[in-house]
Amino acid sequence: MPQRHNCTKCRSLEANNFSGNVPPELGNMVSLKELRISDNGFESRIPEFIGNFTKLNRL
């Protein structure tokens, strides 16, 4: 049986046509290792709470 990649510390929100600001609720996910938010219509800067993601190695 092929092994399935399961990354519970990764979130991909790429290419979903999101707009407005990056949701502040993402700030609660401080153990994320990877966060992908490209190819959306976010209008704000990268939020300061990203600095609390001490395990993040890919944005």
PDB file of N, CA and C in Angstrom:
ATOM      1  N   MET A   1       0.847  -1.178   0.000  1.00  0.00           N
ATOM      2  CA  MET A   1       0.000   0.000   0.000  1.00  0.00           C
ATOM      3  C   MET A   1       0.889   1.236   0.000  1.00  0.00           C
ATOM      4  N   PRO A   2       0.660   2.192  -0.911  1.00  0.00           N
ATOM      5  CA  PRO A   2       1.484   3.406  -0.943  1.00  0.00           C
ATOM      6  C   PRO A   2       1.296   4.219   0.338  1.00  0.00           C
ATOM      7  N   GLN A   3       2.389   4.825   0.753  1.00  0.00           N
ATOM      8  CA  GLN A   3       2.343   5.663   1.948  1.00  0.00           C
ATOM      9  C   GLN A   3       1.793   7.035   1.576  1.00  0.00           C
ATOM     10  N   ARG A   4       0.838   7.503   2.336  1.00  0.00           N
ATOM     11  CA  ARG A   4       0.207   8.793   2.077  1.00  0.00           C
ATOM     12  C   ARG A   4       0.890   9.877   2.890  1.00  0.00           C
ATOM     13  N   HIS A   5       1.183  11.010   2.251  1.00  0.00           N
ATOM     14  CA  HIS A   5       1.787  12.144   2.953  1.00  0.00           C
ATOM     15  C   HIS A   5       0.724  12.776   3.838  1.00  0.00           C
ATOM     16  N   ASN A   6       1.011  12.864   5.118  1.00  0.00           N
ATOM     17  CA  ASN A   6       0.061  13.449   6.063  1.00  0.00           C
ATOM     18  C   ASN A   6       0.791  14.468   6.918  1.00  0.00           C
ATOM     19  N   CYS A   7       0.610  15.726   6.606  1.00  0.00           N
ATOM     20  CA  CYS A   7       1.280  16.786   7.348  1.00  0.00           C
ATOM     21  C   CYS A   7       0.234  17.575   8.118  1.00  0.00           C
ATOM     22  N   THR A   8       0.097  17.279   9.390  1.00  0.00           N
ATOM     23  CA  THR A   8      -0.895  17.978  10.200  1.00  0.00           C
ATOM     24  C   THR A   8      -0.421  19.368  10.590  1.00  0.00           C
ATOM     25  N   LYS A   9       0.847  19.674  10.347  1.00  0.00           N
ATOM     26  CA  LYS A   9       1.403  20.983  10.684  1.00  0.00           C
ATOM     27  C   LYS A   9       1.557  21.853   9.435  1.00  0.00           C
ATOM     28  N   CYS A  10       0.884  21.476   8.350  1.00  0.00           N
ATOM     29  CA  CYS A  10       0.974  22.209   7.089  1.00  0.00           C
ATOM     30  C   CYS A  10      -0.424  22.661   6.664  1.00  0.00           C
ATOM     31  N   ARG A  11      -0.512  23.837   6.115  1.00  0.00           N
ATOM     32  CA  ARG A  11      -1.783  24.335   5.591  1.00  0.00           C
ATOM     33  C   ARG A  11      -1.540  24.988   4.241  1.00  0.00           C
ATOM     34  N   SER A  12      -2.320  24.569   3.266  1.00  0.00           N
ATOM     35  CA  SER A  12      -2.256  25.171   1.949  1.00  0.00           C
ATOM     36  C   SER A  12      -3.592  25.837   1.651  1.00  0.00           C
ATOM     37  N   LEU A  13      -3.550  27.133   1.519  1.00  0.00           N
ATOM     38  CA  LEU A  13      -4.732  27.911   1.172  1.00  0.00           C
ATOM     39  C   LEU A  13      -4.525  28.563  -0.192  1.00  0.00           C
ATOM     40  N   GLU A  14      -3.657  27.962  -0.994  1.00  0.00           N
ATOM     41  CA  GLU A  14      -3.293  28.513  -2.298  1.00  0.00           C
ATOM     42  C   GLU A  14      -4.470  28.506  -3.269  1.00  0.00           C
ATOM     43  N   ALA A  15      -4.507  29.523  -4.111  1.00  0.00           N
ATOM     44  CA  ALA A  15      -5.403  29.590  -5.267  1.00  0.00           C
ATOM     45  C   ALA A  15      -6.863  29.303  -4.916  1.00  0.00           C
ATOM     46  N   ASN A  16      -7.366  29.981  -3.900  1.00  0.00           N
ATOM     47  CA  ASN A  16      -8.760  29.795  -3.488  1.00  0.00           C
ATOM     48  C   ASN A  16      -9.618  31.034  -3.724  1.00  0.00           C
ATOM     49  N   ASN A  17      -9.063  32.033  -4.373  1.00  0.00           N
ATOM     50  CA  ASN A  17      -9.778  33.289  -4.620  1.00  0.00           C
ATOM     51  C   ASN A  17     -10.175  34.003  -3.337  1.00  0.00           C
ATOM     52  N   PHE A  18      -9.402  33.801  -2.270  1.00  0.00           N
ATOM     53  CA  PHE A  18      -9.641  34.551  -1.042  1.00  0.00           C
ATOM     54  C   PHE A  18      -9.271  36.007  -1.290  1.00  0.00           C
ATOM     55  N   SER A  19      -9.954  36.902  -0.614  1.00  0.00           N
ATOM     56  CA  SER A  19      -9.640  38.319  -0.754  1.00  0.00           C
ATOM     57  C   SER A  19      -9.731  38.991   0.612  1.00  0.00           C
ATOM     58  N   GLY A  20      -9.341  40.245   0.663  1.00  0.00           N
ATOM     59  CA  GLY A  20      -9.367  40.979   1.917  1.00  0.00           C
ATOM     60  C   GLY A  20      -8.088  40.753   2.704  1.00  0.00           C
ATOM     61  N   ASN A  21      -8.218  40.651   4.016  1.00  0.00           N
ATOM     62  CA  ASN A  21      -7.064  40.470   4.895  1.00  0.00           C
ATOM     63  C   ASN A  21      -6.816  38.997   5.189  1.00  0.00           C
ATOM     64  N   VAL A  22      -5.577  38.685   5.508  1.00  0.00           N
ATOM     65  CA  VAL A  22      -5.253  37.328   5.963  1.00  0.00           C
ATOM     66  C   VAL A  22      -6.002  37.130   7.286  1.00  0.00           C
ATOM     67  N   PRO A  23      -6.771  36.052   7.426  1.00  0.00           N
ATOM     68  CA  PRO A  23      -7.594  35.864   8.623  1.00  0.00           C
ATOM     69  C   PRO A  23      -6.761  35.812   9.906  1.00  0.00           C
ATOM     70  N   PRO A  24      -7.128  36.597  10.914  1.00  0.00           N
ATOM     71  CA  PRO A  24      -6.373  36.606  12.167  1.00  0.00           C
ATOM     72  C   PRO A  24      -6.424  35.263  12.902  1.00  0.00           C
ATOM     73  N   GLU A  25      -7.416  34.433  12.591  1.00  0.00           N
ATOM     74  CA  GLU A  25      -7.518  33.116  13.224  1.00  0.00           C
ATOM     75  C   GLU A  25      -6.318  32.234  12.912  1.00  0.00           C
ATOM     76  N   LEU A  26      -5.656  32.506  11.811  1.00  0.00           N
ATOM     77  CA  LEU A  26      -4.445  31.740  11.490  1.00  0.00           C
ATOM     78  C   LEU A  26      -3.382  31.940  12.563  1.00  0.00           C
ATOM     79  N   GLY A  27      -3.450  33.041  13.280  1.00  0.00           N
ATOM     80  CA  GLY A  27      -2.489  33.319  14.341  1.00  0.00           C
ATOM     81  C   GLY A  27      -2.531  32.314  15.477  1.00  0.00           C
ATOM     82  N   ASN A  28      -3.606  31.544  15.575  1.00  0.00           N
ATOM     83  CA  ASN A  28      -3.721  30.510  16.609  1.00  0.00           C
ATOM     84  C   ASN A  28      -2.960  29.240  16.257  1.00  0.00           C
ATOM     85  N   MET A  29      -2.497  29.139  15.042  1.00  0.00           N
ATOM     86  CA  MET A  29      -1.850  27.912  14.572  1.00  0.00           C
ATOM     87  C   MET A  29      -0.330  28.042  14.675  1.00  0.00           C
ATOM     88  N   VAL A  30       0.165  28.302  15.878  1.00  0.00           N
ATOM     89  CA  VAL A  30       1.577  28.628  16.081  1.00  0.00           C
ATOM     90  C   VAL A  30       2.530  27.461  15.830  1.00  0.00           C
ATOM     91  N   SER A  31       2.054  26.221  15.750  1.00  0.00           N
ATOM     92  CA  SER A  31       2.976  25.117  15.495  1.00  0.00           C
ATOM     93  C   SER A  31       3.075  24.738  14.022  1.00  0.00           C
ATOM     94  N   LEU A  32       2.555  25.596  13.157  1.00  0.00           N
ATOM     95  CA  LEU A  32       2.657  25.306  11.725  1.00  0.00           C
ATOM     96  C   LEU A  32       4.112  25.252  11.281  1.00  0.00           C
ATOM     97  N   LYS A  33       4.388  24.299  10.404  1.00  0.00           N
ATOM     98  CA  LYS A  33       5.712  24.212   9.794  1.00  0.00           C
ATOM     99  C   LYS A  33       5.681  24.800   8.388  1.00  0.00           C
ATOM    100  N   GLU A  34       4.493  24.804   7.779  1.00  0.00           N
ATOM    101  CA  GLU A  34       4.366  25.272   6.411  1.00  0.00           C
ATOM    102  C   GLU A  34       3.013  25.951   6.239  1.00  0.00           C
ATOM    103  N   LEU A  35       3.019  27.127   5.622  1.00  0.00           N
ATOM    104  CA  LEU A  35       1.787  27.858   5.338  1.00  0.00           C
ATOM    105  C   LEU A  35       1.880  28.415   3.932  1.00  0.00           C
ATOM    106  N   ARG A  36       0.939  28.028   3.097  1.00  0.00           N
ATOM    107  CA  ARG A  36       0.923  28.493   1.703  1.00  0.00           C
ATOM    108  C   ARG A  36      -0.345  29.310   1.468  1.00  0.00           C
ATOM    109  N   ILE A  37      -0.164  30.560   1.133  1.00  0.00           N
ATOM    110  CA  ILE A  37      -1.314  31.447   0.916  1.00  0.00           C
ATOM    111  C   ILE A  37      -1.220  32.197  -0.420  1.00  0.00           C
ATOM    112  N   SER A  38      -0.370  31.741  -1.307  1.00  0.00           N
ATOM    113  CA  SER A  38      -0.162  32.444  -2.577  1.00  0.00           C
ATOM    114  C   SER A  38      -1.370  32.302  -3.514  1.00  0.00           C
ATOM    115  N   ASP A  39      -1.351  33.103  -4.550  1.00  0.00           N
ATOM    116  CA  ASP A  39      -2.371  33.073  -5.605  1.00  0.00           C
ATOM    117  C   ASP A  39      -3.782  33.302  -5.076  1.00  0.00           C
ATOM    118  N   ASN A  40      -3.906  34.238  -4.168  1.00  0.00           N
ATOM    119  CA  ASN A  40      -5.191  34.699  -3.667  1.00  0.00           C
ATOM    120  C   ASN A  40      -5.253  36.212  -3.853  1.00  0.00           C
ATOM    121  N   GLY A  41      -6.298  36.830  -3.397  1.00  0.00           N
ATOM    122  CA  GLY A  41      -6.447  38.273  -3.539  1.00  0.00           C
ATOM    123  C   GLY A  41      -6.296  39.008  -2.221  1.00  0.00           C
ATOM    124  N   PHE A  42      -5.446  38.490  -1.329  1.00  0.00           N
ATOM    125  CA  PHE A  42      -5.246  39.176  -0.051  1.00  0.00           C
ATOM    126  C   PHE A  42      -4.708  40.574  -0.308  1.00  0.00           C
ATOM    127  N   GLU A  43      -5.245  41.549   0.409  1.00  0.00           N
ATOM    128  CA  GLU A  43      -4.882  42.943   0.193  1.00  0.00           C
ATOM    129  C   GLU A  43      -3.985  43.510   1.279  1.00  0.00           C
ATOM    130  N   SER A  44      -3.775  42.753   2.317  1.00  0.00           N
ATOM    131  CA  SER A  44      -2.983  43.267   3.442  1.00  0.00           C
ATOM    132  C   SER A  44      -1.544  42.760   3.373  1.00  0.00           C
ATOM    133  N   ARG A  45      -0.726  43.324   4.229  1.00  0.00           N
ATOM    134  CA  ARG A  45       0.648  42.849   4.378  1.00  0.00           C
ATOM    135  C   ARG A  45       0.633  41.533   5.139  1.00  0.00           C
ATOM    136  N   ILE A  46       1.781  40.883   5.178  1.00  0.00           N
ATOM    137  CA  ILE A  46       1.892  39.670   5.984  1.00  0.00           C
ATOM    138  C   ILE A  46       1.711  40.081   7.444  1.00  0.00           C
ATOM    139  N   PRO A  47       0.767  39.468   8.147  1.00  0.00           N
ATOM    140  CA  PRO A  47       0.479  39.886   9.520  1.00  0.00           C
ATOM    141  C   PRO A  47       1.635  39.621  10.481  1.00  0.00           C
ATOM    142  N   GLU A  48       1.702  40.437  11.518  1.00  0.00           N
ATOM    143  CA  GLU A  48       2.770  40.298  12.515  1.00  0.00           C
ATOM    144  C   GLU A  48       2.733  38.960  13.234  1.00  0.00           C
ATOM    145  N   PHE A  49       1.546  38.356  13.363  1.00  0.00           N
ATOM    146  CA  PHE A  49       1.474  37.086  14.088  1.00  0.00           C
ATOM    147  C   PHE A  49       2.288  35.980  13.437  1.00  0.00           C
ATOM    148  N   ILE A  50       2.641  36.132  12.183  1.00  0.00           N
ATOM    149  CA  ILE A  50       3.494  35.143  11.513  1.00  0.00           C
ATOM    150  C   ILE A  50       4.824  35.014  12.261  1.00  0.00           C
ATOM    151  N   GLY A  51       5.280  36.085  12.884  1.00  0.00           N
ATOM    152  CA  GLY A  51       6.521  36.049  13.660  1.00  0.00           C
ATOM    153  C   GLY A  51       6.451  35.112  14.859  1.00  0.00           C
ATOM    154  N   ASN A  52       5.245  34.740  15.287  1.00  0.00           N
ATOM    155  CA  ASN A  52       5.085  33.801  16.398  1.00  0.00           C
ATOM    156  C   ASN A  52       5.174  32.343  15.961  1.00  0.00           C
ATOM    157  N   PHE A  53       5.231  32.116  14.668  1.00  0.00           N
ATOM    158  CA  PHE A  53       5.299  30.757  14.139  1.00  0.00           C
ATOM    159  C   PHE A  53       6.758  30.297  14.146  1.00  0.00           C
ATOM    160  N   THR A  54       7.251  29.919  15.276  1.00  0.00           N
ATOM    161  CA  THR A  54       8.680  29.622  15.448  1.00  0.00           C
ATOM    162  C   THR A  54       9.118  28.348  14.727  1.00  0.00           C
ATOM    163  N   LYS A  55       8.178  27.498  14.343  1.00  0.00           N
ATOM    164  CA  LYS A  55       8.526  26.252  13.643  1.00  0.00           C
ATOM    165  C   LYS A  55       8.334  26.365  12.138  1.00  0.00           C
ATOM    166  N   LEU A  56       7.867  27.522  11.675  1.00  0.00           N
ATOM    167  CA  LEU A  56       7.585  27.725  10.270  1.00  0.00           C
ATOM    168  C   LEU A  56       8.881  27.696   9.455  1.00  0.00           C
ATOM    169  N   ASN A  57       8.917  26.842   8.440  1.00  0.00           N
ATOM    170  CA  ASN A  57      10.103  26.806   7.580  1.00  0.00           C
ATOM    171  C   ASN A  57       9.747  27.075   6.126  1.00  0.00           C
ATOM    172  N   ARG A  58       8.449  27.287   5.841  1.00  0.00           N
ATOM    173  CA  ARG A  58       8.047  27.617   4.470  1.00  0.00           C
ATOM    174  C   ARG A  58       6.796  28.482   4.507  1.00  0.00           C
ATOM    175  N   LEU A  59       6.883  29.635   3.859  1.00  0.00           N
ATOM    176  CA  LEU A  59       5.745  30.553   3.766  1.00  0.00           C
ATOM    177  C   LEU A  59       5.523  30.881   2.321  1.00  0.00           C
TER     178      LEU A  59
END
